[in-house]
């Protein structure tokens, strides 16, 4: 797959690394704001594991799906956030960060600090979050801890890490936060969750489990897409982005 960089996008984005909050967070940030709403794409877990019992030494994603989705997005204000230690590392980075400490309160705090910096740099008022795979869990957790998120879209999103790990019979992540535990905070936020009909990594049962945590699902749409975990998304993304948000938004 050809390398994608921020210069391929319609708007000018600059690489900004936020490293004041323990782990470095690699981002693409708009050089100047056009509207008052910023749409932030949140990277998946990347290359966290080489095999089921062997963590990677570098979590930087090999699959550039999130960048290719951004290329299809005509929104005038876009940004990109990688997970901690992807693309750039410091002395605090260790394999625990991208394996068992994924979605932990500390990871959430570090990423949320970068989100706040992106918002302030462009003087944005509202945020729209798009999360891929594990970035879907982070998008929901970020939204649950802020009051400026207008919508959340996920692509093959891990909406319930605890349930997914049980489903696959892999090790638990005791430090991980679970979006389903924040249903009260999330119930009024417009959400569309796109799941791959052929996705064996994050199967349909995950979104079903997520929905069961809500008494009122009127602000949540779930849509099956002819895709697997990595392929089939890019060519459909413009159409999927055009889907109307629930809650009358």
C-alpha atoms as a PDB file:
ATOM      1  CA  UNK A   1       0.000   0.000   0.000  1.00  0.00           C
ATOM      2  CA  UNK A   2       1.450   3.410  -0.875  1.00  0.00           C
ATOM      3  CA  UNK A   3       2.421   5.654   1.994  1.00  0.00           C
ATOM      4  CA  UNK A   4      -0.107   8.363   2.802  1.00  0.00           C
ATOM      5  CA  UNK A   5       0.889  11.694   4.251  1.00  0.00           C
ATOM      6  CA  UNK A   6      -0.950  14.787   5.381  1.00  0.00           C
ATOM      7  CA  UNK A   7       0.024  16.617   2.192  1.00  0.00           C
ATOM      8  CA  UNK A   8      -2.304  14.360   0.191  1.00  0.00           C
ATOM      9  CA  UNK A   9      -5.369  15.844   1.882  1.00  0.00           C
ATOM     10  CA  UNK A  10      -7.479  18.699   0.547  1.00  0.00           C
ATOM     11  CA  UNK A  11      -6.607  20.968   3.454  1.00  0.00           C
ATOM     12  CA  UNK A  12      -3.197  21.815   4.889  1.00  0.00           C
ATOM     13  CA  UNK A  13      -2.341  19.733   7.931  1.00  0.00           C
ATOM     14  CA  UNK A  14       0.849  19.873   9.945  1.00  0.00           C
ATOM     15  CA  UNK A  15       2.453  17.124  12.012  1.00  0.00           C
ATOM     16  CA  UNK A  16       2.314  18.031  15.703  1.00  0.00           C
ATOM     17  CA  UNK A  17       3.616  15.733  18.447  1.00  0.00           C
ATOM     18  CA  UNK A  18       2.238  16.306  21.937  1.00  0.00           C
ATOM     19  CA  UNK A  19       4.719  14.917  24.441  1.00  0.00           C
ATOM     20  CA  UNK A  20       4.054  16.948  27.575  1.00  0.00           C
ATOM     21  CA  UNK A  21       1.700  14.354  29.068  1.00  0.00           C
ATOM     22  CA  UNK A  22       3.970  11.339  29.628  1.00  0.00           C
ATOM     23  CA  UNK A  23       3.611   9.450  26.338  1.00  0.00           C
ATOM     24  CA  UNK A  24       3.976  11.145  22.940  1.00  0.00           C
ATOM     25  CA  UNK A  25       0.872  11.547  20.789  1.00  0.00           C
ATOM     26  CA  UNK A  26       1.438  11.990  17.049  1.00  0.00           C
ATOM     27  CA  UNK A  27      -1.188  14.135  15.316  1.00  0.00           C
ATOM     28  CA  UNK A  28      -2.042  15.921  12.113  1.00  0.00           C
ATOM     29  CA  UNK A  29      -3.466  19.331  12.956  1.00  0.00           C
ATOM     30  CA  UNK A  30      -5.168  21.903  10.694  1.00  0.00           C
ATOM     31  CA  UNK A  31      -2.945  24.863   9.905  1.00  0.00           C
ATOM     32  CA  UNK A  32      -5.975  27.116  10.315  1.00  0.00           C
ATOM     33  CA  UNK A  33      -9.630  26.615  11.139  1.00  0.00           C
ATOM     34  CA  UNK A  34     -12.404  27.137   8.599  1.00  0.00           C
ATOM     35  CA  UNK A  35     -15.467  26.296  10.689  1.00  0.00           C
ATOM     36  CA  UNK A  36     -16.136  25.981  14.410  1.00  0.00           C
ATOM     37  CA  UNK A  37     -16.329  22.154  14.296  1.00  0.00           C
ATOM     38  CA  UNK A  38     -13.298  19.863  14.133  1.00  0.00           C
ATOM     39  CA  UNK A  39     -13.604  16.241  12.977  1.00  0.00           C
ATOM     40  CA  UNK A  40     -10.892  14.101  14.576  1.00  0.00           C
ATOM     41  CA  UNK A  41      -9.937  10.672  13.247  1.00  0.00           C
ATOM     42  CA  UNK A  42      -8.575   8.362  15.958  1.00  0.00           C
ATOM     43  CA  UNK A  43      -6.185   5.574  15.000  1.00  0.00           C
ATOM     44  CA  UNK A  44      -6.745   1.930  15.864  1.00  0.00           C
ATOM     45  CA  UNK A  45      -4.484  -0.213  18.044  1.00  0.00           C
ATOM     46  CA  UNK A  46      -1.933  -0.566  15.264  1.00  0.00           C
ATOM     47  CA  UNK A  47       0.611  -3.357  15.464  1.00  0.00           C
ATOM     48  CA  UNK A  48       0.117  -4.055  19.155  1.00  0.00           C
ATOM     49  CA  UNK A  49       0.794  -7.786  18.862  1.00  0.00           C
ATOM     50  CA  UNK A  50       2.910  -9.865  16.467  1.00  0.00           C
ATOM     51  CA  UNK A  51       1.117 -13.020  17.604  1.00  0.00           C
ATOM     52  CA  UNK A  52      -1.410 -13.749  20.333  1.00  0.00           C
ATOM     53  CA  UNK A  53       1.344 -14.212  22.932  1.00  0.00           C
ATOM     54  CA  UNK A  54       4.051 -11.919  21.522  1.00  0.00           C
ATOM     55  CA  UNK A  55       3.732  -8.132  21.794  1.00  0.00           C
ATOM     56  CA  UNK A  56       5.188  -5.929  19.095  1.00  0.00           C
ATOM     57  CA  UNK A  57       8.162  -3.694  19.818  1.00  0.00           C
ATOM     58  CA  UNK A  58       6.556  -0.908  17.783  1.00  0.00           C
ATOM     59  CA  UNK A  59       2.777  -0.280  17.740  1.00  0.00           C
ATOM     60  CA  UNK A  60       2.842   1.967  14.655  1.00  0.00           C
ATOM     61  CA  UNK A  61       0.060   0.745  12.337  1.00  0.00           C
ATOM     62  CA  UNK A  62       1.089  -1.021   9.145  1.00  0.00           C
ATOM     63  CA  UNK A  63      -2.423  -0.620   7.728  1.00  0.00           C
ATOM     64  CA  UNK A  64      -3.052   3.020   6.741  1.00  0.00           C
ATOM     65  CA  UNK A  65      -6.840   2.648   6.566  1.00  0.00           C
ATOM     66  CA  UNK A  66      -7.575   5.687   8.747  1.00  0.00           C
ATOM     67  CA  UNK A  67      -5.464   7.932   6.524  1.00  0.00           C
ATOM     68  CA  UNK A  68      -7.236   6.629   3.422  1.00  0.00           C
ATOM     69  CA  UNK A  69     -10.623   7.315   5.020  1.00  0.00           C
ATOM     70  CA  UNK A  70      -9.516  10.896   5.641  1.00  0.00           C
ATOM     71  CA  UNK A  71      -8.663  11.243   1.953  1.00  0.00           C
ATOM     72  CA  UNK A  72     -12.337  10.580   1.181  1.00  0.00           C
ATOM     73  CA  UNK A  73     -13.593  13.151   3.691  1.00  0.00           C
ATOM     74  CA  UNK A  74     -14.472  16.579   2.275  1.00  0.00           C
ATOM     75  CA  UNK A  75     -14.970  18.192   5.666  1.00  0.00           C
ATOM     76  CA  UNK A  76     -13.017  21.501   5.821  1.00  0.00           C
ATOM     77  CA  UNK A  77     -11.642  20.851   9.315  1.00  0.00           C
ATOM     78  CA  UNK A  78      -9.954  17.488   9.879  1.00  0.00           C
ATOM     79  CA  UNK A  79      -7.381  16.219  12.352  1.00  0.00           C
ATOM     80  CA  UNK A  80      -5.737  12.874  13.095  1.00  0.00           C
ATOM     81  CA  UNK A  81      -4.646  11.403  16.426  1.00  0.00           C
ATOM     82  CA  UNK A  82      -2.508   8.295  16.803  1.00  0.00           C
ATOM     83  CA  UNK A  83      -2.486   6.223  19.944  1.00  0.00           C
ATOM     84  CA  UNK A  84       0.387   6.624  22.431  1.00  0.00           C
ATOM     85  CA  UNK A  85       3.844   5.675  21.133  1.00  0.00           C
ATOM     86  CA  UNK A  86       2.688   5.129  17.530  1.00  0.00           C
ATOM     87  CA  UNK A  87       5.046   6.792  15.013  1.00  0.00           C
ATOM     88  CA  UNK A  88       7.121   8.354  17.806  1.00  0.00           C
ATOM     89  CA  UNK A  89       8.393   7.011  21.137  1.00  0.00           C
ATOM     90  CA  UNK A  90      10.044   8.318  24.280  1.00  0.00           C
ATOM     91  CA  UNK A  91      11.602   6.734  27.359  1.00  0.00           C
ATOM     92  CA  UNK A  92       8.156   6.129  28.889  1.00  0.00           C
ATOM     93  CA  UNK A  93       6.977   3.901  26.042  1.00  0.00           C
ATOM     94  CA  UNK A  94       6.833   0.187  26.786  1.00  0.00           C
ATOM     95  CA  UNK A  95       4.919  -2.794  25.456  1.00  0.00           C
ATOM     96  CA  UNK A  96       2.496  -2.551  28.390  1.00  0.00           C
ATOM     97  CA  UNK A  97       1.172   0.722  26.955  1.00  0.00           C
ATOM     98  CA  UNK A  98      -0.123  -0.767  23.692  1.00  0.00           C
ATOM     99  CA  UNK A  99      -1.093  -4.177  25.110  1.00  0.00           C
ATOM    100  CA  UNK A 100      -2.594  -4.504  28.585  1.00  0.00           C
ATOM    101  CA  UNK A 101      -2.859  -0.765  29.351  1.00  0.00           C
ATOM    102  CA  UNK A 102      -4.815   0.122  26.218  1.00  0.00           C
ATOM    103  CA  UNK A 103      -7.893   2.207  27.059  1.00  0.00           C
ATOM    104  CA  UNK A 104      -6.648   2.734  30.611  1.00  0.00           C
ATOM    105  CA  UNK A 105      -7.466   5.967  32.477  1.00  0.00           C
ATOM    106  CA  UNK A 106      -3.903   7.209  31.958  1.00  0.00           C
ATOM    107  CA  UNK A 107      -4.011   6.540  28.201  1.00  0.00           C
ATOM    108  CA  UNK A 108      -7.384   8.264  27.997  1.00  0.00           C
ATOM    109  CA  UNK A 109      -6.025  11.278  29.900  1.00  0.00           C
ATOM    110  CA  UNK A 110      -3.006  11.612  27.592  1.00  0.00           C
ATOM    111  CA  UNK A 111      -5.098  11.370  24.414  1.00  0.00           C
ATOM    112  CA  UNK A 112      -7.717  13.737  25.803  1.00  0.00           C
ATOM    113  CA  UNK A 113      -4.958  16.265  26.480  1.00  0.00           C
ATOM    114  CA  UNK A 114      -4.052  16.124  22.784  1.00  0.00           C
ATOM    115  CA  UNK A 115      -7.725  16.471  21.820  1.00  0.00           C
ATOM    116  CA  UNK A 116      -8.015  19.576  23.967  1.00  0.00           C
ATOM    117  CA  UNK A 117      -4.866  21.057  22.417  1.00  0.00           C
ATOM    118  CA  UNK A 118      -6.186  20.483  18.901  1.00  0.00           C
ATOM    119  CA  UNK A 119      -9.465  22.131  19.856  1.00  0.00           C
ATOM    120  CA  UNK A 120      -7.800  25.149  21.430  1.00  0.00           C
ATOM    121  CA  UNK A 121      -5.295  25.649  18.605  1.00  0.00           C
ATOM    122  CA  UNK A 122      -8.122  26.190  16.115  1.00  0.00           C
ATOM    123  CA  UNK A 123     -10.533  27.773  18.594  1.00  0.00           C
ATOM    124  CA  UNK A 124     -13.113  25.121  17.772  1.00  0.00           C
ATOM    125  CA  UNK A 125     -16.393  24.901  19.649  1.00  0.00           C
ATOM    126  CA  UNK A 126     -17.517  21.353  18.782  1.00  0.00           C
ATOM    127  CA  UNK A 127     -15.836  18.049  18.019  1.00  0.00           C
ATOM    128  CA  UNK A 128     -16.844  15.134  15.825  1.00  0.00           C
ATOM    129  CA  UNK A 129     -14.967  11.917  16.526  1.00  0.00           C
ATOM    130  CA  UNK A 130     -14.280   9.062  14.114  1.00  0.00           C
ATOM    131  CA  UNK A 131     -12.600   5.996  15.594  1.00  0.00           C
ATOM    132  CA  UNK A 132     -11.303   2.900  13.832  1.00  0.00           C
ATOM    133  CA  UNK A 133     -11.139  -0.459  15.648  1.00  0.00           C
ATOM    134  CA  UNK A 134      -9.657   0.260  19.100  1.00  0.00           C
ATOM    135  CA  UNK A 135      -9.885   3.934  18.237  1.00  0.00           C
ATOM    136  CA  UNK A 136     -13.642   3.431  18.408  1.00  0.00           C
ATOM    137  CA  UNK A 137     -13.389   2.554  22.094  1.00  0.00           C
ATOM    138  CA  UNK A 138     -11.257   5.641  22.666  1.00  0.00           C
ATOM    139  CA  UNK A 139     -13.667   7.865  20.725  1.00  0.00           C
ATOM    140  CA  UNK A 140     -16.525   6.766  22.981  1.00  0.00           C
ATOM    141  CA  UNK A 141     -14.448   7.156  26.143  1.00  0.00           C
ATOM    142  CA  UNK A 142     -13.344  10.636  25.090  1.00  0.00           C
ATOM    143  CA  UNK A 143     -16.949  11.599  24.353  1.00  0.00           C
ATOM    144  CA  UNK A 144     -18.068  10.291  27.752  1.00  0.00           C
ATOM    145  CA  UNK A 145     -15.566  12.543  29.509  1.00  0.00           C
ATOM    146  CA  UNK A 146     -16.220  15.772  27.575  1.00  0.00           C
ATOM    147  CA  UNK A 147     -19.196  18.059  26.952  1.00  0.00           C
ATOM    148  CA  UNK A 148     -18.206  19.331  23.489  1.00  0.00           C
ATOM    149  CA  UNK A 149     -18.542  16.144  21.367  1.00  0.00           C
ATOM    150  CA  UNK A 150     -21.407  16.483  18.881  1.00  0.00           C
ATOM    151  CA  UNK A 151     -21.130  13.009  17.347  1.00  0.00           C
ATOM    152  CA  UNK A 152     -19.184   9.757  17.279  1.00  0.00           C
ATOM    153  CA  UNK A 153     -18.712   7.512  14.261  1.00  0.00           C
ATOM    154  CA  UNK A 154     -16.861   4.236  14.515  1.00  0.00           C
ATOM    155  CA  UNK A 155     -15.498   1.959  11.804  1.00  0.00           C
ATOM    156  CA  UNK A 156     -15.136  -1.695  12.815  1.00  0.00           C
ATOM    157  CA  UNK A 157     -15.104  -0.242  16.323  1.00  0.00           C
ATOM    158  CA  UNK A 158     -14.257  -2.142  19.469  1.00  0.00           C
ATOM    159  CA  UNK A 159     -17.227  -0.835  21.429  1.00  0.00           C
ATOM    160  CA  UNK A 160     -16.698  -3.184  24.371  1.00  0.00           C
ATOM    161  CA  UNK A 161     -13.077  -4.291  24.938  1.00  0.00           C
ATOM    162  CA  UNK A 162     -13.936  -6.527  27.888  1.00  0.00           C
ATOM    163  CA  UNK A 163     -16.629  -8.388  25.928  1.00  0.00           C
ATOM    164  CA  UNK A 164     -14.427  -8.706  22.828  1.00  0.00           C
ATOM    165  CA  UNK A 165     -11.534 -10.204  24.800  1.00  0.00           C
ATOM    166  CA  UNK A 166     -13.895 -12.741  26.353  1.00  0.00           C
ATOM    167  CA  UNK A 167     -15.327 -13.529  22.930  1.00  0.00           C
ATOM    168  CA  UNK A 168     -11.861 -14.316  21.544  1.00  0.00           C
ATOM    169  CA  UNK A 169     -10.675 -16.034  24.722  1.00  0.00           C
ATOM    170  CA  UNK A 170      -7.628 -13.783  25.096  1.00  0.00           C
ATOM    171  CA  UNK A 171      -6.086 -12.168  28.153  1.00  0.00           C
ATOM    172  CA  UNK A 172      -8.116  -9.601  30.028  1.00  0.00           C
ATOM    173  CA  UNK A 173      -7.014  -5.971  30.310  1.00  0.00           C
ATOM    174  CA  UNK A 174      -7.784  -5.105  33.948  1.00  0.00           C
ATOM    175  CA  UNK A 175      -6.773  -1.445  33.513  1.00  0.00           C
ATOM    176  CA  UNK A 176      -9.008  -0.869  30.484  1.00  0.00           C
ATOM    177  CA  UNK A 177     -12.057   1.357  30.673  1.00  0.00           C
ATOM    178  CA  UNK A 178     -15.174   0.062  28.940  1.00  0.00           C
ATOM    179  CA  UNK A 179     -17.525   2.360  27.004  1.00  0.00           C
ATOM    180  CA  UNK A 180     -20.537   0.305  28.130  1.00  0.00           C
ATOM    181  CA  UNK A 181     -19.908   1.526  31.689  1.00  0.00           C
ATOM    182  CA  UNK A 182     -20.536   5.100  30.528  1.00  0.00           C
ATOM    183  CA  UNK A 183     -23.912   4.580  28.867  1.00  0.00           C
ATOM    184  CA  UNK A 184     -25.489   7.378  30.922  1.00  0.00           C
ATOM    185  CA  UNK A 185     -22.965   9.904  29.615  1.00  0.00           C
ATOM    186  CA  UNK A 186     -23.133   8.591  26.046  1.00  0.00           C
ATOM    187  CA  UNK A 187     -26.872   8.092  25.602  1.00  0.00           C
ATOM    188  CA  UNK A 188     -27.548  11.641  24.359  1.00  0.00           C
ATOM    189  CA  UNK A 189     -24.595  11.800  21.932  1.00  0.00           C
ATOM    190  CA  UNK A 190     -25.361  11.059  18.272  1.00  0.00           C
ATOM    191  CA  UNK A 191     -23.569   7.862  17.271  1.00  0.00           C
ATOM    192  CA  UNK A 192     -23.266   5.761  14.131  1.00  0.00           C
ATOM    193  CA  UNK A 193     -21.355   2.505  14.414  1.00  0.00           C
ATOM    194  CA  UNK A 194     -20.389   0.868  11.112  1.00  0.00           C
ATOM    195  CA  UNK A 195     -19.530  -2.807  11.454  1.00  0.00           C
ATOM    196  CA  UNK A 196     -18.112  -5.096   8.831  1.00  0.00           C
ATOM    197  CA  UNK A 197     -20.429  -7.925   7.840  1.00  0.00           C
ATOM    198  CA  UNK A 198     -17.308 -10.058   7.211  1.00  0.00           C
ATOM    199  CA  UNK A 199     -15.299  -8.818  10.191  1.00  0.00           C
ATOM    200  CA  UNK A 200     -13.982 -11.690  12.321  1.00  0.00           C
ATOM    201  CA  UNK A 201     -11.793  -9.389  14.453  1.00  0.00           C
ATOM    202  CA  UNK A 202     -14.674  -7.278  15.822  1.00  0.00           C
ATOM    203  CA  UNK A 203     -17.796  -9.325  15.088  1.00  0.00           C
ATOM    204  CA  UNK A 204     -21.411  -8.177  15.208  1.00  0.00           C
ATOM    205  CA  UNK A 205     -21.877  -9.492  18.756  1.00  0.00           C
ATOM    206  CA  UNK A 206     -19.771  -6.607  20.072  1.00  0.00           C
ATOM    207  CA  UNK A 207     -22.183  -3.925  18.885  1.00  0.00           C
ATOM    208  CA  UNK A 208     -25.124  -5.981  20.119  1.00  0.00           C
ATOM    209  CA  UNK A 209     -23.548  -6.145  23.557  1.00  0.00           C
ATOM    210  CA  UNK A 210     -22.908  -2.395  23.470  1.00  0.00           C
ATOM    211  CA  UNK A 211     -26.532  -1.596  22.632  1.00  0.00           C
ATOM    212  CA  UNK A 212     -27.772  -3.753  25.512  1.00  0.00           C
ATOM    213  CA  UNK A 213     -26.119  -1.334  27.959  1.00  0.00           C
ATOM    214  CA  UNK A 214     -28.514   1.485  26.954  1.00  0.00           C
ATOM    215  CA  UNK A 215     -32.082   1.978  28.105  1.00  0.00           C
ATOM    216  CA  UNK A 216     -32.613   4.476  25.266  1.00  0.00           C
ATOM    217  CA  UNK A 217     -30.889   3.801  21.934  1.00  0.00           C
ATOM    218  CA  UNK A 218     -32.625   6.550  19.942  1.00  0.00           C
ATOM    219  CA  UNK A 219     -29.304   8.383  19.480  1.00  0.00           C
ATOM    220  CA  UNK A 220     -27.432   5.268  18.319  1.00  0.00           C
ATOM    221  CA  UNK A 221     -27.450   3.749  14.842  1.00  0.00           C
ATOM    222  CA  UNK A 222     -25.657   0.527  13.933  1.00  0.00           C
ATOM    223  CA  UNK A 223     -25.157  -0.356  10.281  1.00  0.00           C
ATOM    224  CA  UNK A 224     -23.632  -3.427   8.701  1.00  0.00           C
ATOM    225  CA  UNK A 225     -21.284  -2.736   5.812  1.00  0.00           C
ATOM    226  CA  UNK A 226     -19.954  -5.130   3.186  1.00  0.00           C
ATOM    227  CA  UNK A 227     -16.418  -5.090   4.560  1.00  0.00           C
ATOM    228  CA  UNK A 228     -14.062  -7.000   6.811  1.00  0.00           C
ATOM    229  CA  UNK A 229     -11.863  -5.475   9.499  1.00  0.00           C
ATOM    230  CA  UNK A 230      -9.509  -3.704   7.095  1.00  0.00           C
ATOM    231  CA  UNK A 231     -10.812  -3.838   3.534  1.00  0.00           C
ATOM    232  CA  UNK A 232     -13.968  -2.558   1.882  1.00  0.00           C
ATOM    233  CA  UNK A 233     -14.181   0.708   3.825  1.00  0.00           C
ATOM    234  CA  UNK A 234     -12.337   3.304   1.778  1.00  0.00           C
ATOM    235  CA  UNK A 235     -14.460   3.042  -1.357  1.00  0.00           C
ATOM    236  CA  UNK A 236     -17.686   3.349   0.670  1.00  0.00           C
ATOM    237  CA  UNK A 237     -16.630   6.019   3.136  1.00  0.00           C
ATOM    238  CA  UNK A 238     -18.081   9.057   1.377  1.00  0.00           C
ATOM    239  CA  UNK A 239     -21.496   7.373   1.269  1.00  0.00           C
ATOM    240  CA  UNK A 240     -21.244   6.250   4.884  1.00  0.00           C
ATOM    241  CA  UNK A 241     -20.270   9.738   6.024  1.00  0.00           C
ATOM    242  CA  UNK A 242     -23.416  11.069   4.342  1.00  0.00           C
ATOM    243  CA  UNK A 243     -25.665   8.888   6.532  1.00  0.00           C
ATOM    244  CA  UNK A 244     -27.854  11.182   8.667  1.00  0.00           C
ATOM    245  CA  UNK A 245     -26.988  11.313  12.327  1.00  0.00           C
ATOM    246  CA  UNK A 246     -29.636  10.166  14.813  1.00  0.00           C
ATOM    247  CA  UNK A 247     -31.205  12.492  17.396  1.00  0.00           C
ATOM    248  CA  UNK A 248     -32.236  14.910  14.659  1.00  0.00           C
ATOM    249  CA  UNK A 249     -28.687  16.200  14.195  1.00  0.00           C
END
